[in-house]
Amino acid sequence: MKQKMSCFVIDDIRDNRNQFFLALDLLQVTQACICFDNAADALSYATRQPGKPDYIFLHTRRLAVDGARQLEEILQSPLLKDVPVIFYAPSFDPEDMTRMKFIGAADWMVKPSNLHALRDGLKLIFETVSTKQPALSQPVMGALLPAVLV
């Protein structure tokens, strides 16, 4: 992974967002990691800033209800509809995984509690999920250094 990427992390738990940010920092692949409590905040932020993220990581406690709603909100946004959305959670029901893929999720990952295992899982995601964008060269929100909003 030669080019730096940007991502949104949508998770309502601050510790999860911090751990995710640290795992991305260990990979040294991010130009910017912007964190939000929910999809509505991410959409609002995206409408006010130039550029868009290369990936969106979405965590929700109730995948079948909240996850589907938030994924649909993201996919209805002209700004973010082409950005791959990856669900992450400690576990998944196979029916929920199939439903999220049908709705439009790019992939999902089981989030381990170990920081290094999370880093390795993210590396695998970046190697297997191709972005629908032509290149990862657009800076998101004018960020020049790794940054996080929590």
Protein backbone atom coordinates (compact mmCIF):
# COMPACT_ATOMS: atom_id res chain seq x y z
CA MET A 1 0.00 0.00 0.00
CA LYS A 2 1.93 2.95 -1.29
CA GLN A 3 -0.62 5.73 -1.20
CA LYS A 4 -2.07 7.14 1.97
CA MET A 5 -5.82 6.75 2.38
CA SER A 6 -8.51 8.39 4.41
CA CYS A 7 -11.41 6.80 6.21
CA PHE A 8 -14.44 7.51 8.32
CA VAL A 9 -15.01 5.40 11.42
CA ILE A 10 -18.61 5.43 12.61
CA ASP A 11 -18.94 3.97 16.10
CA ASP A 12 -20.86 5.25 19.09
CA ILE A 13 -18.26 3.92 21.57
CA ARG A 14 -15.30 6.22 22.12
CA ASP A 15 -12.90 3.42 23.18
CA ASN A 16 -13.69 1.50 19.99
CA ARG A 17 -12.97 4.59 17.89
CA ASN A 18 -9.66 5.14 19.67
CA GLN A 19 -8.62 1.50 19.24
CA PHE A 20 -9.53 1.62 15.56
CA PHE A 21 -7.49 4.80 15.11
CA LEU A 22 -4.49 3.23 16.84
CA ALA A 23 -4.68 0.11 14.65
CA LEU A 24 -4.75 2.29 11.53
CA ASP A 25 -1.83 4.28 12.88
CA LEU A 26 0.17 1.06 13.34
CA LEU A 27 -0.41 0.26 9.66
CA GLN A 28 0.84 3.73 8.68
CA VAL A 29 -1.58 3.86 5.75
CA THR A 30 -3.90 6.67 6.72
CA GLN A 31 -3.71 10.27 5.77
CA ALA A 32 -6.79 10.99 7.85
CA CYS A 33 -9.07 8.99 10.12
CA ILE A 34 -12.18 10.95 11.01
CA CYS A 35 -14.43 9.44 13.67
CA PHE A 36 -18.16 9.93 14.22
CA ASP A 37 -20.84 8.69 16.61
CA ASN A 38 -23.34 7.96 13.83
CA ALA A 39 -23.89 8.03 10.06
CA ALA A 40 -25.88 11.28 10.21
CA ASP A 41 -22.87 13.13 11.67
CA ALA A 42 -20.59 11.62 9.02
CA LEU A 43 -22.96 12.69 6.24
CA SER A 44 -23.23 16.19 7.65
CA TYR A 45 -19.44 16.47 7.85
CA ALA A 46 -19.00 15.16 4.30
CA THR A 47 -21.34 17.81 2.87
CA ARG A 48 -19.29 20.60 4.44
CA GLN A 49 -15.82 19.41 3.37
CA PRO A 50 -14.11 18.84 0.03
CA GLY A 51 -13.11 15.32 -0.95
CA LYS A 52 -14.41 12.04 0.39
CA PRO A 53 -12.97 9.13 2.34
CA ASP A 54 -11.58 6.02 0.68
CA TYR A 55 -13.32 3.71 3.18
CA ILE A 56 -16.10 3.90 5.74
CA PHE A 57 -16.01 1.55 8.72
CA LEU A 58 -19.37 1.19 10.41
CA HIS A 59 -20.05 -0.39 13.78
CA THR A 60 -23.50 -0.80 15.21
CA ARG A 61 -24.83 -2.75 18.15
CA ARG A 62 -28.00 -3.86 16.35
CA LEU A 63 -26.90 -4.67 12.82
CA ALA A 64 -30.30 -5.75 11.54
CA VAL A 65 -31.95 -2.48 12.58
CA ASP A 66 -29.42 0.31 13.06
CA GLY A 67 -26.84 -1.07 10.64
CA ALA A 68 -29.27 -1.34 7.75
CA ARG A 69 -30.63 2.16 8.38
CA GLN A 70 -27.19 3.75 8.61
CA LEU A 71 -25.91 1.89 5.55
CA GLU A 72 -28.91 3.06 3.53
CA GLU A 73 -28.31 6.67 4.69
CA ILE A 74 -24.72 6.48 3.48
CA LEU A 75 -25.58 4.84 0.17
CA GLN A 76 -28.27 7.45 -0.56
CA SER A 77 -25.72 10.24 -0.26
CA PRO A 78 -24.38 11.32 -3.66
CA LEU A 79 -21.11 12.18 -1.92
CA LEU A 80 -20.53 8.81 -0.25
CA LYS A 81 -22.44 6.26 -2.34
CA ASP A 82 -19.26 5.07 -4.10
CA VAL A 83 -17.22 4.69 -0.91
CA PRO A 84 -16.89 1.08 0.29
CA VAL A 85 -18.65 0.54 3.62
CA ILE A 86 -17.20 -2.18 5.84
CA PHE A 87 -19.13 -3.32 8.89
CA TYR A 88 -17.20 -4.36 11.96
CA ALA A 89 -18.45 -5.93 15.16
CA PRO A 90 -17.35 -8.56 17.70
CA SER A 91 -19.61 -11.10 15.94
CA PHE A 92 -22.07 -11.42 13.07
CA ASP A 93 -25.12 -13.50 12.32
CA PRO A 94 -24.77 -15.06 8.83
CA GLU A 95 -28.22 -13.76 7.84
CA ASP A 96 -27.24 -10.22 8.83
CA MET A 97 -24.02 -10.45 6.82
CA THR A 98 -25.92 -11.57 3.74
CA ARG A 99 -28.50 -8.81 4.19
CA MET A 100 -25.85 -6.09 4.56
CA LYS A 101 -24.03 -7.30 1.43
CA PHE A 102 -27.35 -7.28 -0.45
CA ILE A 103 -28.06 -3.71 0.68
CA GLY A 104 -24.62 -2.60 -0.48
CA ALA A 105 -21.93 -3.20 2.16
CA ALA A 106 -18.53 -3.89 0.61
CA ASP A 107 -17.50 -6.32 3.35
CA TRP A 108 -17.48 -6.99 7.07
CA MET A 109 -14.88 -7.89 9.61
CA VAL A 110 -15.04 -9.43 13.05
CA LYS A 111 -13.41 -6.91 15.39
CA PRO A 112 -10.98 -8.57 17.75
CA SER A 113 -10.22 -7.03 21.13
CA ASN A 114 -6.45 -7.26 20.53
CA LEU A 115 -4.99 -4.15 18.86
CA HIS A 116 -2.50 -6.09 16.74
CA ALA A 117 -5.15 -8.54 15.53
CA LEU A 118 -7.32 -5.55 14.57
CA ARG A 119 -4.38 -4.09 12.66
CA ASP A 120 -3.93 -7.37 10.79
CA GLY A 121 -7.65 -7.56 10.01
CA LEU A 122 -7.61 -4.02 8.63
CA LYS A 123 -4.60 -4.85 6.47
CA LEU A 124 -6.50 -7.79 5.00
CA ILE A 125 -9.53 -5.58 4.34
CA PHE A 126 -7.38 -3.02 2.53
CA GLU A 127 -5.82 -5.77 0.41
CA THR A 128 -9.12 -7.40 -0.54
CA VAL A 129 -11.69 -4.61 -0.74
CA SER A 130 -11.02 -2.41 -3.72
CA THR A 131 -12.35 1.09 -3.64
CA LYS A 132 -14.75 2.13 -6.36
CA GLN A 133 -12.86 5.38 -6.73
CA PRO A 134 -10.31 5.75 -9.55
CA ALA A 135 -7.46 6.57 -7.13
CA LEU A 136 -6.67 7.18 -3.51
CA SER A 137 -4.99 10.45 -4.31
CA GLN A 138 -7.66 12.98 -3.30
CA PRO A 139 -6.99 14.37 0.15
CA VAL A 140 -10.00 14.21 2.41
CA MET A 141 -11.03 17.41 4.10
CA GLY A 142 -7.65 18.98 3.35
CA ALA A 143 -5.96 16.86 6.03
CA LEU A 144 -2.20 16.63 5.69
CA LEU A 145 -1.32 14.64 8.80
CA PRO A 146 -3.06 11.74 10.54
CA ALA A 147 -5.96 13.19 12.49
CA VAL A 148 -8.85 11.94 14.54
CA LEU A 149 -12.04 13.56 15.73
CA VAL A 150 -13.63 11.88 18.72
